[in-house]
Each structure stands twice: as C-alpha cells, then as structure tokens.
Amino acid sequence: MAERIYRTFDEFWPFYLKEHSDRRTRGFHYVGSLIALGFLAAAIVRADPLYLLGMPLSGYFFAWLSHALIEHNRPATFTYPLWSLLADYRMLFLFLAGRLGPELRRAGVLA
C-alpha cells in the first residue's frame, strides 16, 4: 500500500497525532522535547553552542525509542522531518496548555 503524501501541515497534523495515539508515546516525546529545550537554554545561558548537540540527541532518542517499543511504527521524522519537528512541539505545547484532547479527538484518537 502506498504511503499518503501530505502537501500541507494541516493535512499532516491529524496523521501525526494518529502516529502518536498511545499516551505513553506522547509522554516519551514530551520528555525528549523538554530535555532538548533544556539543552537550548544551557547553550544560551552558558554561551556554549556545544550544548546544542544535545537537542537532537535527546529529542530523537526518546521519540524513536517510543516508536520502537510502544507504538511499533516508523517515525514520521524520516519522511517529514520539518513538519514532524513542528508537530512535536505543537503537541507538547498543546498538552502543557491542556488543549491537546480536542485535537486528538478531531484526529480520531482516543485521548
């Protein structure tokens, strides 16, 4: 079966949420994304760009681990790297704001 091609982020977003339907997968993503933001903060505070290396390492480690162990699917990063990054942080910030549930339901994911 051919993989669907998403032409806009709005088309991609529901697919992304479906690929993260298990709350544990989303939790792993949140941890990795927050650690990545911590590395960004450390790079700024310490004026040391080497901390920026920790951003993709932490973010991808937790995300890919969750897809391998929990979701059992191929990370969308491999096909849509920029949209996946944007969607990951959109998902995180909606979760932190308490507004992710309606988005999950619209995508057909049980919150």
PDB file of N, CA and C in Angstrom:
ATOM      1  N   MET A   1       0.839  -1.179   0.000  1.00  0.00           N
ATOM      2  CA  MET A   1       0.000   0.000   0.000  1.00  0.00           C
ATOM      3  C   MET A   1       0.886   1.245   0.000  1.00  0.00           C
ATOM      4  N   ALA A   2       0.601   2.178  -0.861  1.00  0.00           N
ATOM      5  CA  ALA A   2       1.407   3.393  -0.990  1.00  0.00           C
ATOM      6  C   ALA A   2       1.154   4.331   0.185  1.00  0.00           C
ATOM      7  N   GLU A   3       2.238   4.981   0.613  1.00  0.00           N
ATOM      8  CA  GLU A   3       2.129   5.950   1.702  1.00  0.00           C
ATOM      9  C   GLU A   3       1.509   7.237   1.168  1.00  0.00           C
ATOM     10  N   ARG A   4       0.608   7.814   1.944  1.00  0.00           N
ATOM     11  CA  ARG A   4      -0.042   9.058   1.522  1.00  0.00           C
ATOM     12  C   ARG A   4       0.962  10.207   1.554  1.00  0.00           C
ATOM     13  N   ILE A   5       0.834  11.108   0.626  1.00  0.00           N
ATOM     14  CA  ILE A   5       1.688  12.293   0.573  1.00  0.00           C
ATOM     15  C   ILE A   5       0.890  13.466   1.127  1.00  0.00           C
ATOM     16  N   TYR A   6       1.466  14.132   2.118  1.00  0.00           N
ATOM     17  CA  TYR A   6       0.819  15.291   2.734  1.00  0.00           C
ATOM     18  C   TYR A   6       1.428  16.549   2.138  1.00  0.00           C
ATOM     19  N   ARG A   7       0.570  17.396   1.623  1.00  0.00           N
ATOM     20  CA  ARG A   7       1.047  18.607   0.945  1.00  0.00           C
ATOM     21  C   ARG A   7       1.052  19.835   1.852  1.00  0.00           C
ATOM     22  N   THR A   8       0.302  19.775   2.941  1.00  0.00           N
ATOM     23  CA  THR A   8       0.260  20.895   3.884  1.00  0.00           C
ATOM     24  C   THR A   8       0.413  20.366   5.304  1.00  0.00           C
ATOM     25  N   PHE A   9       0.836  21.251   6.185  1.00  0.00           N
ATOM     26  CA  PHE A   9       0.949  20.864   7.587  1.00  0.00           C
ATOM     27  C   PHE A   9      -0.425  20.527   8.162  1.00  0.00           C
ATOM     28  N   ASP A  10      -1.455  21.232   7.748  1.00  0.00           N
ATOM     29  CA  ASP A  10      -2.814  20.955   8.246  1.00  0.00           C
ATOM     30  C   ASP A  10      -3.272  19.551   7.872  1.00  0.00           C
ATOM     31  N   GLU A  11      -2.866  19.050   6.708  1.00  0.00           N
ATOM     32  CA  GLU A  11      -3.167  17.672   6.329  1.00  0.00           C
ATOM     33  C   GLU A  11      -2.335  16.686   7.150  1.00  0.00           C
ATOM     34  N   PHE A  12      -1.096  17.053   7.431  1.00  0.00           N
ATOM     35  CA  PHE A  12      -0.159  16.195   8.145  1.00  0.00           C
ATOM     36  C   PHE A  12      -0.512  16.039   9.622  1.00  0.00           C
ATOM     37  N   TRP A  13      -1.005  17.086  10.241  1.00  0.00           N
ATOM     38  CA  TRP A  13      -1.241  17.127  11.687  1.00  0.00           C
ATOM     39  C   TRP A  13      -2.104  15.960  12.202  1.00  0.00           C
ATOM     40  N   PRO A  14      -3.264  15.663  11.614  1.00  0.00           N
ATOM     41  CA  PRO A  14      -4.043  14.519  12.117  1.00  0.00           C
ATOM     42  C   PRO A  14      -3.294  13.186  11.964  1.00  0.00           C
ATOM     43  N   PHE A  15      -2.561  13.030  10.868  1.00  0.00           N
ATOM     44  CA  PHE A  15      -1.736  11.827  10.683  1.00  0.00           C
ATOM     45  C   PHE A  15      -0.717  11.730  11.812  1.00  0.00           C
ATOM     46  N   TYR A  16      -0.061  12.842  12.109  1.00  0.00           N
ATOM     47  CA  TYR A  16       0.952  12.856  13.164  1.00  0.00           C
ATOM     48  C   TYR A  16       0.343  12.431  14.497  1.00  0.00           C
ATOM     49  N   LEU A  17      -0.818  12.957  14.813  1.00  0.00           N
ATOM     50  CA  LEU A  17      -1.464  12.588  16.078  1.00  0.00           C
ATOM     51  C   LEU A  17      -1.831  11.111  16.100  1.00  0.00           C
ATOM     52  N   LYS A  18      -2.283  10.565  14.995  1.00  0.00           N
ATOM     53  CA  LYS A  18      -2.620   9.135  14.928  1.00  0.00           C
ATOM     54  C   LYS A  18      -1.374   8.272  15.128  1.00  0.00           C
ATOM     55  N   GLU A  19      -0.246   8.748  14.635  1.00  0.00           N
ATOM     56  CA  GLU A  19       1.010   8.020  14.809  1.00  0.00           C
ATOM     57  C   GLU A  19       1.504   8.085  16.255  1.00  0.00           C
ATOM     58  N   HIS A  20       0.863   8.920  17.066  1.00  0.00           N
ATOM     59  CA  HIS A  20       1.198   9.085  18.483  1.00  0.00           C
ATOM     60  C   HIS A  20      -0.044   8.831  19.332  1.00  0.00           C
ATOM     61  N   SER A  21      -0.769   7.797  18.977  1.00  0.00           N
ATOM     62  CA  SER A  21      -2.060   7.554  19.624  1.00  0.00           C
ATOM     63  C   SER A  21      -1.929   7.052  21.056  1.00  0.00           C
ATOM     64  N   ASP A  22      -0.839   6.423  21.388  1.00  0.00           N
ATOM     65  CA  ASP A  22      -0.635   5.928  22.753  1.00  0.00           C
ATOM     66  C   ASP A  22      -0.073   7.058  23.620  1.00  0.00           C
ATOM     67  N   ARG A  23      -0.725   7.312  24.721  1.00  0.00           N
ATOM     68  CA  ARG A  23      -0.277   8.413  25.590  1.00  0.00           C
ATOM     69  C   ARG A  23       1.150   8.223  26.095  1.00  0.00           C
ATOM     70  N   ARG A  24       1.604   6.970  26.191  1.00  0.00           N
ATOM     71  CA  ARG A  24       2.994   6.729  26.612  1.00  0.00           C
ATOM     72  C   ARG A  24       3.971   7.223  25.547  1.00  0.00           C
ATOM     73  N   THR A  25       3.613   7.032  24.293  1.00  0.00           N
ATOM     74  CA  THR A  25       4.454   7.548  23.199  1.00  0.00           C
ATOM     75  C   THR A  25       4.544   9.061  23.292  1.00  0.00           C
ATOM     76  N   ARG A  26       3.400   9.699  23.491  1.00  0.00           N
ATOM     77  CA  ARG A  26       3.406  11.157  23.627  1.00  0.00           C
ATOM     78  C   ARG A  26       4.242  11.567  24.837  1.00  0.00           C
ATOM     79  N   GLY A  27       4.159  10.820  25.915  1.00  0.00           N
ATOM     80  CA  GLY A  27       4.951  11.121  27.106  1.00  0.00           C
ATOM     81  C   GLY A  27       6.448  11.061  26.843  1.00  0.00           C
ATOM     82  N   PHE A  28       6.877  10.047  26.106  1.00  0.00           N
ATOM     83  CA  PHE A  28       8.289   9.950  25.743  1.00  0.00           C
ATOM     84  C   PHE A  28       8.699  11.167  24.910  1.00  0.00           C
ATOM     85  N   HIS A  29       7.825  11.564  24.000  1.00  0.00           N
ATOM     86  CA  HIS A  29       8.112  12.740  23.166  1.00  0.00           C
ATOM     87  C   HIS A  29       8.231  13.995  24.033  1.00  0.00           C
ATOM     88  N   TYR A  30       7.333  14.140  24.985  1.00  0.00           N
ATOM     89  CA  TYR A  30       7.377  15.321  25.857  1.00  0.00           C
ATOM     90  C   TYR A  30       8.703  15.380  26.612  1.00  0.00           C
ATOM     91  N   VAL A  31       9.125  14.231  27.155  1.00  0.00           N
ATOM     92  CA  VAL A  31      10.385  14.192  27.905  1.00  0.00           C
ATOM     93  C   VAL A  31      11.546  14.600  26.999  1.00  0.00           C
ATOM     94  N   GLY A  32      11.634  14.003  25.830  1.00  0.00           N
ATOM     95  CA  GLY A  32      12.726  14.332  24.907  1.00  0.00           C
ATOM     96  C   GLY A  32      12.702  15.784  24.479  1.00  0.00           C
ATOM     97  N   SER A  33      11.513  16.301  24.205  1.00  0.00           N
ATOM     98  CA  SER A  33      11.392  17.697  23.766  1.00  0.00           C
ATOM     99  C   SER A  33      11.767  18.664  24.880  1.00  0.00           C
ATOM    100  N   LEU A  34      11.356  18.358  26.102  1.00  0.00           N
ATOM    101  CA  LEU A  34      11.696  19.238  27.228  1.00  0.00           C
ATOM    102  C   LEU A  34      13.194  19.200  27.531  1.00  0.00           C
ATOM    103  N   ILE A  35      13.793  18.027  27.432  1.00  0.00           N
ATOM    104  CA  ILE A  35      15.244  17.941  27.616  1.00  0.00           C
ATOM    105  C   ILE A  35      15.953  18.733  26.520  1.00  0.00           C
ATOM    106  N   ALA A  36      15.449  18.631  25.288  1.00  0.00           N
ATOM    107  CA  ALA A  36      16.042  19.395  24.182  1.00  0.00           C
ATOM    108  C   ALA A  36      15.956  20.895  24.458  1.00  0.00           C
ATOM    109  N   LEU A  37      14.830  21.349  24.977  1.00  0.00           N
ATOM    110  CA  LEU A  37      14.703  22.768  25.328  1.00  0.00           C
ATOM    111  C   LEU A  37      15.664  23.137  26.456  1.00  0.00           C
ATOM    112  N   GLY A  38      15.914  22.194  27.358  1.00  0.00           N
ATOM    113  CA  GLY A  38      16.901  22.416  28.416  1.00  0.00           C
ATOM    114  C   GLY A  38      18.298  22.605  27.844  1.00  0.00           C
ATOM    115  N   PHE A  39      18.631  21.803  26.847  1.00  0.00           N
ATOM    116  CA  PHE A  39      19.932  21.982  26.174  1.00  0.00           C
ATOM    117  C   PHE A  39      20.012  23.338  25.485  1.00  0.00           C
ATOM    118  N   LEU A  40      18.914  23.767  24.885  1.00  0.00           N
ATOM    119  CA  LEU A  40      18.892  25.090  24.249  1.00  0.00           C
ATOM    120  C   LEU A  40      19.117  26.184  25.297  1.00  0.00           C
ATOM    121  N   ALA A  41      18.438  26.071  26.420  1.00  0.00           N
ATOM    122  CA  ALA A  41      18.605  27.052  27.498  1.00  0.00           C
ATOM    123  C   ALA A  41      20.048  27.054  28.005  1.00  0.00           C
ATOM    124  N   ALA A  42      20.632  25.874  28.178  1.00  0.00           N
ATOM    125  CA  ALA A  42      22.018  25.779  28.646  1.00  0.00           C
ATOM    126  C   ALA A  42      22.973  26.420  27.644  1.00  0.00           C
ATOM    127  N   ALA A  43      22.728  26.218  26.365  1.00  0.00           N
ATOM    128  CA  ALA A  43      23.579  26.817  25.338  1.00  0.00           C
ATOM    129  C   ALA A  43      23.526  28.338  25.405  1.00  0.00           C
ATOM    130  N   ILE A  44      22.333  28.857  25.668  1.00  0.00           N
ATOM    131  CA  ILE A  44      22.172  30.312  25.749  1.00  0.00           C
ATOM    132  C   ILE A  44      22.799  30.852  27.030  1.00  0.00           C
ATOM    133  N   VAL A  45      22.471  30.248  28.171  1.00  0.00           N
ATOM    134  CA  VAL A  45      22.950  30.738  29.472  1.00  0.00           C
ATOM    135  C   VAL A  45      24.469  30.640  29.569  1.00  0.00           C
ATOM    136  N   ARG A  46      25.009  29.538  29.092  1.00  0.00           N
ATOM    137  CA  ARG A  46      26.455  29.323  29.198  1.00  0.00           C
ATOM    138  C   ARG A  46      27.224  29.845  27.979  1.00  0.00           C
ATOM    139  N   ALA A  47      26.483  30.364  26.992  1.00  0.00           N
ATOM    140  CA  ALA A  47      27.091  30.854  25.747  1.00  0.00           C
ATOM    141  C   ALA A  47      28.019  29.803  25.147  1.00  0.00           C
ATOM    142  N   ASP A  48      27.530  28.557  25.151  1.00  0.00           N
ATOM    143  CA  ASP A  48      28.324  27.442  24.650  1.00  0.00           C
ATOM    144  C   ASP A  48      27.497  26.646  23.641  1.00  0.00           C
ATOM    145  N   PRO A  49      27.794  26.801  22.358  1.00  0.00           N
ATOM    146  CA  PRO A  49      26.998  26.122  21.336  1.00  0.00           C
ATOM    147  C   PRO A  49      27.115  24.600  21.361  1.00  0.00           C
ATOM    148  N   LEU A  50      28.087  24.050  22.086  1.00  0.00           N
ATOM    149  CA  LEU A  50      28.193  22.593  22.161  1.00  0.00           C
ATOM    150  C   LEU A  50      26.953  21.961  22.790  1.00  0.00           C
ATOM    151  N   TYR A  51      26.287  22.703  23.653  1.00  0.00           N
ATOM    152  CA  TYR A  51      25.053  22.177  24.255  1.00  0.00           C
ATOM    153  C   TYR A  51      23.976  21.917  23.198  1.00  0.00           C
ATOM    154  N   LEU A  52      24.062  22.605  22.089  1.00  0.00           N
ATOM    155  CA  LEU A  52      23.063  22.418  21.026  1.00  0.00           C
ATOM    156  C   LEU A  52      23.101  21.001  20.455  1.00  0.00           C
ATOM    157  N   LEU A  53      24.229  20.322  20.595  1.00  0.00           N
ATOM    158  CA  LEU A  53      24.326  18.934  20.136  1.00  0.00           C
ATOM    159  C   LEU A  53      23.377  18.020  20.906  1.00  0.00           C
ATOM    160  N   GLY A  54      23.087  18.392  22.125  1.00  0.00           N
ATOM    161  CA  GLY A  54      22.182  17.578  22.947  1.00  0.00           C
ATOM    162  C   GLY A  54      20.740  17.657  22.498  1.00  0.00           C
ATOM    163  N   MET A  55      20.388  18.699  21.774  1.00  0.00           N
ATOM    164  CA  MET A  55      18.987  18.863  21.360  1.00  0.00           C
ATOM    165  C   MET A  55      18.496  17.708  20.489  1.00  0.00           C
ATOM    166  N   PRO A  56      19.109  17.476  19.334  1.00  0.00           N
ATOM    167  CA  PRO A  56      18.590  16.372  18.516  1.00  0.00           C
ATOM    168  C   PRO A  56      18.820  15.010  19.156  1.00  0.00           C
ATOM    169  N   LEU A  57      19.917  14.862  19.899  1.00  0.00           N
ATOM    170  CA  LEU A  57      20.181  13.568  20.531  1.00  0.00           C
ATOM    171  C   LEU A  57      19.083  13.202  21.522  1.00  0.00           C
ATOM    172  N   SER A  58      18.722  14.126  22.375  1.00  0.00           N
ATOM    173  CA  SER A  58      17.689  13.828  23.375  1.00  0.00           C
ATOM    174  C   SER A  58      16.315  13.711  22.733  1.00  0.00           C
ATOM    175  N   GLY A  59      16.004  14.626  21.841  1.00  0.00           N
ATOM    176  CA  GLY A  59      14.693  14.599  21.209  1.00  0.00           C
ATOM    177  C   GLY A  59      14.459  13.325  20.417  1.00  0.00           C
ATOM    178  N   TYR A  60      15.412  12.981  19.563  1.00  0.00           N
ATOM    179  CA  TYR A  60      15.245  11.792  18.727  1.00  0.00           C
ATOM    180  C   TYR A  60      15.348  10.508  19.538  1.00  0.00           C
ATOM    181  N   PHE A  61      16.221  10.470  20.542  1.00  0.00           N
ATOM    182  CA  PHE A  61      16.363   9.256  21.337  1.00  0.00           C
ATOM    183  C   PHE A  61      15.026   8.842  21.946  1.00  0.00           C
ATOM    184  N   PHE A  62      14.394   9.757  22.656  1.00  0.00           N
ATOM    185  CA  PHE A  62      13.134   9.419  23.321  1.00  0.00           C
ATOM    186  C   PHE A  62      12.010   9.156  22.316  1.00  0.00           C
ATOM    187  N   ALA A  63      11.971   9.929  21.252  1.00  0.00           N
ATOM    188  CA  ALA A  63      10.918   9.748  20.246  1.00  0.00           C
ATOM    189  C   ALA A  63      11.060   8.396  19.557  1.00  0.00           C
ATOM    190  N   TRP A  64      12.246   8.101  19.066  1.00  0.00           N
ATOM    191  CA  TRP A  64      12.440   6.852  18.318  1.00  0.00           C
ATOM    192  C   TRP A  64      12.290   5.642  19.232  1.00  0.00           C
ATOM    193  N   LEU A  65      12.718   5.773  20.468  1.00  0.00           N
ATOM    194  CA  LEU A  65      12.549   4.681  21.422  1.00  0.00           C
ATOM    195  C   LEU A  65      11.058   4.370  21.609  1.00  0.00           C
ATOM    196  N   SER A  66      10.254   5.406  21.735  1.00  0.00           N
ATOM    197  CA  SER A  66       8.817   5.188  21.943  1.00  0.00           C
ATOM    198  C   SER A  66       8.160   4.563  20.712  1.00  0.00           C
ATOM    199  N   HIS A  67       8.592   4.947  19.531  1.00  0.00           N
ATOM    200  CA  HIS A  67       8.004   4.347  18.331  1.00  0.00           C
ATOM    201  C   HIS A  67       8.411   2.878  18.205  1.00  0.00           C
ATOM    202  N   ALA A  68       9.623   2.552  18.606  1.00  0.00           N
ATOM    203  CA  ALA A  68      10.088   1.164  18.528  1.00  0.00           C
ATOM    204  C   ALA A  68       9.438   0.286  19.591  1.00  0.00           C
ATOM    205  N   LEU A  69       9.349   0.780  20.821  1.00  0.00           N
ATOM    206  CA  LEU A  69       8.884  -0.060  21.929  1.00  0.00           C
ATOM    207  C   LEU A  69       7.385   0.004  22.196  1.00  0.00           C
ATOM    208  N   ILE A  70       6.755   1.108  21.866  1.00  0.00           N
ATOM    209  CA  ILE A  70       5.348   1.292  22.235  1.00  0.00           C
ATOM    210  C   ILE A  70       4.445   1.315  21.009  1.00  0.00           C
ATOM    211  N   GLU A  71       4.698   2.229  20.121  1.00  0.00           N
ATOM    212  CA  GLU A  71       3.778   2.466  19.001  1.00  0.00           C
ATOM    213  C   GLU A  71       3.978   1.463  17.861  1.00  0.00           C
ATOM    214  N   HIS A  72       5.193   0.932  17.746  1.00  0.00           N
ATOM    215  CA  HIS A  72       5.540  -0.038  16.697  1.00  0.00           C
ATOM    216  C   HIS A  72       5.245   0.501  15.300  1.00  0.00           C
ATOM    217  N   ASN A  73       5.654   1.737  15.076  1.00  0.00           N
ATOM    218  CA  ASN A  73       5.503   2.330  13.747  1.00  0.00           C
ATOM    219  C   ASN A  73       6.773   3.104  13.397  1.00  0.00           C
ATOM    220  N   ARG A  74       6.858   3.516  12.177  1.00  0.00           N
ATOM    221  CA  ARG A  74       8.029   4.244  11.671  1.00  0.00           C
ATOM    222  C   ARG A  74       7.855   5.728  11.984  1.00  0.00           C
ATOM    223  N   PRO A  75       8.829   6.340  12.665  1.00  0.00           N
ATOM    224  CA  PRO A  75       8.700   7.763  12.974  1.00  0.00           C
ATOM    225  C   PRO A  75       8.482   8.612  11.721  1.00  0.00           C
ATOM    226  N   ALA A  76       7.561   9.544  11.813  1.00  0.00           N
ATOM    227  CA  ALA A  76       7.256  10.440  10.687  1.00  0.00           C
ATOM    228  C   ALA A  76       8.450  11.320  10.326  1.00  0.00           C
ATOM    229  N   THR A  77       9.404  11.428  11.239  1.00  0.00           N
ATOM    230  CA  THR A  77      10.610  12.227  11.007  1.00  0.00           C
ATOM    231  C   THR A  77      11.334  11.792   9.742  1.00  0.00           C
ATOM    232  N   PHE A  78      11.281  10.510   9.434  1.00  0.00           N
ATOM    233  CA  PHE A  78      12.019  10.006   8.281  1.00  0.00           C
ATOM    234  C   PHE A  78      11.443  10.514   6.966  1.00  0.00           C
ATOM    235  N   THR A  79      10.152  10.785   6.943  1.00  0.00           N
ATOM    236  CA  THR A  79       9.502  11.242   5.715  1.00  0.00           C
ATOM    237  C   THR A  79       9.238  12.744   5.725  1.00  0.00           C
ATOM    238  N   TYR A  80       8.893  13.261   6.895  1.00  0.00           N
ATOM    239  CA  TYR A  80       8.529  14.679   7.035  1.00  0.00           C
ATOM    240  C   TYR A  80       9.317  15.292   8.201  1.00  0.00           C
ATOM    241  N   PRO A  81      10.623  15.503   8.043  1.00  0.00           N
ATOM    242  CA  PRO A  81      11.432  15.951   9.178  1.00  0.00           C
ATOM    243  C   PRO A  81      11.030  17.304   9.764  1.00  0.00           C
ATOM    244  N   LEU A  82      10.799  18.301   8.943  1.00  0.00           N
ATOM    245  CA  LEU A  82      10.457  19.618   9.478  1.00  0.00           C
ATOM    246  C   LEU A  82       9.060  19.625  10.080  1.00  0.00           C
ATOM    247  N   TRP A  83       8.102  19.054   9.379  1.00  0.00           N
ATOM    248  CA  TRP A  83       6.736  19.022   9.910  1.00  0.00           C
ATOM    249  C   TRP A  83       6.664  18.194  11.191  1.00  0.00           C
ATOM    250  N   SER A  84       7.468  17.134  11.267  1.00  0.00           N
ATOM    251  CA  SER A  84       7.478  16.324  12.482  1.00  0.00           C
ATOM    252  C   SER A  84       8.009  17.123  13.666  1.00  0.00           C
ATOM    253  N   LEU A  85       9.045  17.898  13.432  1.00  0.00           N
ATOM    254  CA  LEU A  85       9.588  18.740  14.497  1.00  0.00           C
ATOM    255  C   LEU A  85       8.554  19.764  14.947  1.00  0.00           C
ATOM    256  N   LEU A  86       7.931  20.430  13.990  1.00  0.00           N
ATOM    257  CA  LEU A  86       6.896  21.416  14.330  1.00  0.00           C
ATOM    258  C   LEU A  86       5.719  20.753  15.055  1.00  0.00           C
ATOM    259  N   ALA A  87       5.312  19.597  14.569  1.00  0.00           N
ATOM    260  CA  ALA A  87       4.182  18.893  15.182  1.00  0.00           C
ATOM    261  C   ALA A  87       4.524  18.423  16.586  1.00  0.00           C
ATOM    262  N   ASP A  88       5.764  18.019  16.790  1.00  0.00           N
ATOM    263  CA  ASP A  88       6.182  17.556  18.114  1.00  0.00           C
ATOM    264  C   ASP A  88       6.048  18.678  19.142  1.00  0.00           C
ATOM    265  N   TYR A  89       6.520  19.858  18.778  1.00  0.00           N
ATOM    266  CA  TYR A  89       6.418  20.976  19.717  1.00  0.00           C
ATOM    267  C   TYR A  89       4.993  21.511  19.810  1.00  0.00           C
ATOM    268  N   ARG A  90       4.231  21.433  18.742  1.00  0.00           N
ATOM    269  CA  ARG A  90       2.818  21.818  18.828  1.00  0.00           C
ATOM    270  C   ARG A  90       2.099  20.878  19.802  1.00  0.00           C
ATOM    271  N   MET A  91       2.369  19.584  19.670  1.00  0.00           N
ATOM    272  CA  MET A  91       1.758  18.604  20.559  1.00  0.00           C
ATOM    273  C   MET A  91       2.159  18.873  22.015  1.00  0.00           C
ATOM    274  N   LEU A  92       3.421  19.151  22.239  1.00  0.00           N
ATOM    275  CA  LEU A  92       3.903  19.437  23.596  1.00  0.00           C
ATOM    276  C   LEU A  92       3.218  20.668  24.175  1.00  0.00           C
ATOM    277  N   PHE A  93       3.208  21.755  23.429  1.00  0.00           N
ATOM    278  CA  PHE A  93       2.647  22.993  23.967  1.00  0.00           C
ATOM    279  C   PHE A  93       1.133  22.908  24.138  1.00  0.00           C
ATOM    280  N   LEU A  94       0.448  22.198  23.253  1.00  0.00           N
ATOM    281  CA  LEU A  94      -0.996  21.984  23.449  1.00  0.00           C
ATOM    282  C   LEU A  94      -1.239  21.135  24.695  1.00  0.00           C
ATOM    283  N   PHE A  95      -0.412  20.125  24.907  1.00  0.00           N
ATOM    284  CA  PHE A  95      -0.524  19.305  26.116  1.00  0.00           C
ATOM    285  C   PHE A  95      -0.321  20.153  27.366  1.00  0.00           C
ATOM    286  N   LEU A  96       0.746  20.952  27.375  1.00  0.00           N
ATOM    287  CA  LEU A  96       1.037  21.791  28.543  1.00  0.00           C
ATOM    288  C   LEU A  96      -0.071  22.806  28.805  1.00  0.00           C
ATOM    289  N   ALA A  97      -0.736  23.256  27.746  1.00  0.00           N
ATOM    290  CA  ALA A  97      -1.837  24.220  27.883  1.00  0.00           C
ATOM    291  C   ALA A  97      -3.171  23.537  28.189  1.00  0.00           C
ATOM    292  N   GLY A  98      -3.172  22.203  28.218  1.00  0.00           N
ATOM    293  CA  GLY A  98      -4.412  21.475  28.484  1.00  0.00           C
ATOM    294  C   GLY A  98      -5.370  21.488  27.300  1.00  0.00           C
ATOM    295  N   ARG A  99      -4.841  21.674  26.091  1.00  0.00           N
ATOM    296  CA  ARG A  99      -5.699  21.800  24.908  1.00  0.00           C
ATOM    297  C   ARG A  99      -5.458  20.706  23.866  1.00  0.00           C
ATOM    298  N   LEU A 100      -4.746  19.645  24.241  1.00  0.00           N
ATOM    299  CA  LEU A 100      -4.457  18.592  23.271  1.00  0.00           C
ATOM    300  C   LEU A 100      -5.652  17.662  23.052  1.00  0.00           C
ATOM    301  N   GLY A 101      -6.447  17.423  24.065  1.00  0.00           N
ATOM    302  CA  GLY A 101      -7.571  16.495  23.964  1.00  0.00           C
ATOM    303  C   GLY A 101      -8.478  16.724  22.762  1.00  0.00           C
ATOM    304  N   PRO A 102      -8.970  17.944  22.559  1.00  0.00           N
ATOM    305  CA  PRO A 102      -9.825  18.186  21.388  1.00  0.00           C
ATOM    306  C   PRO A 102      -9.120  17.904  20.062  1.00  0.00           C
ATOM    307  N   GLU A 103      -7.837  18.198  19.990  1.00  0.00           N
ATOM    308  CA  GLU A 103      -7.082  17.920  18.767  1.00  0.00           C
ATOM    309  C   GLU A 103      -7.006  16.415  18.519  1.00  0.00           C
ATOM    310  N   LEU A 104      -6.761  15.653  19.577  1.00  0.00           N
ATOM    311  CA  LEU A 104      -6.710  14.195  19.447  1.00  0.00           C
ATOM    312  C   LEU A 104      -8.057  13.646  18.994  1.00  0.00           C
ATOM    313  N   ARG A 105      -9.124  14.141  19.592  1.00  0.00           N
ATOM    314  CA  ARG A 105     -10.467  13.658  19.210  1.00  0.00           C
ATOM    315  C   ARG A 105     -10.774  13.996  17.756  1.00  0.00           C
ATOM    316  N   ARG A 106     -10.439  15.196  17.316  1.00  0.00           N
ATOM    317  CA  ARG A 106     -10.659  15.568  15.908  1.00  0.00           C
ATOM    318  C   ARG A 106      -9.891  14.661  14.952  1.00  0.00           C
ATOM    319  N   ALA A 107      -8.729  14.196  15.404  1.00  0.00           N
ATOM    320  CA  ALA A 107      -7.907  13.305  14.577  1.00  0.00           C
ATOM    321  C   ALA A 107      -8.366  11.849  14.678  1.00  0.00           C
ATOM    322  N   GLY A 108      -9.351  11.590  15.533  1.00  0.00           N
ATOM    323  CA  GLY A 108      -9.832  10.225  15.702  1.00  0.00           C
ATOM    324  C   GLY A 108      -9.033   9.401  16.677  1.00  0.00           C
ATOM    325  N   VAL A 109      -8.304  10.082  17.571  1.00  0.00           N
ATOM    326  CA  VAL A 109      -7.501   9.409  18.575  1.00  0.00           C
ATOM    327  C   VAL A 109      -8.202   9.534  19.914  1.00  0.00           C
ATOM    328  N   LEU A 110      -8.326   8.424  20.616  1.00  0.00           N
ATOM    329  CA  LEU A 110      -8.898   8.466  21.964  1.00  0.00           C
ATOM    330  C   LEU A 110      -7.878   9.097  22.894  1.00  0.00           C
ATOM    331  N   ALA A 111      -8.250  10.169  23.532  1.00  0.00           N
ATOM    332  CA  ALA A 111      -7.325  10.880  24.423  1.00  0.00           C
ATOM    333  C   ALA A 111      -7.034  10.030  25.629  1.00  0.00           C
TER     334      ALA A 111
END
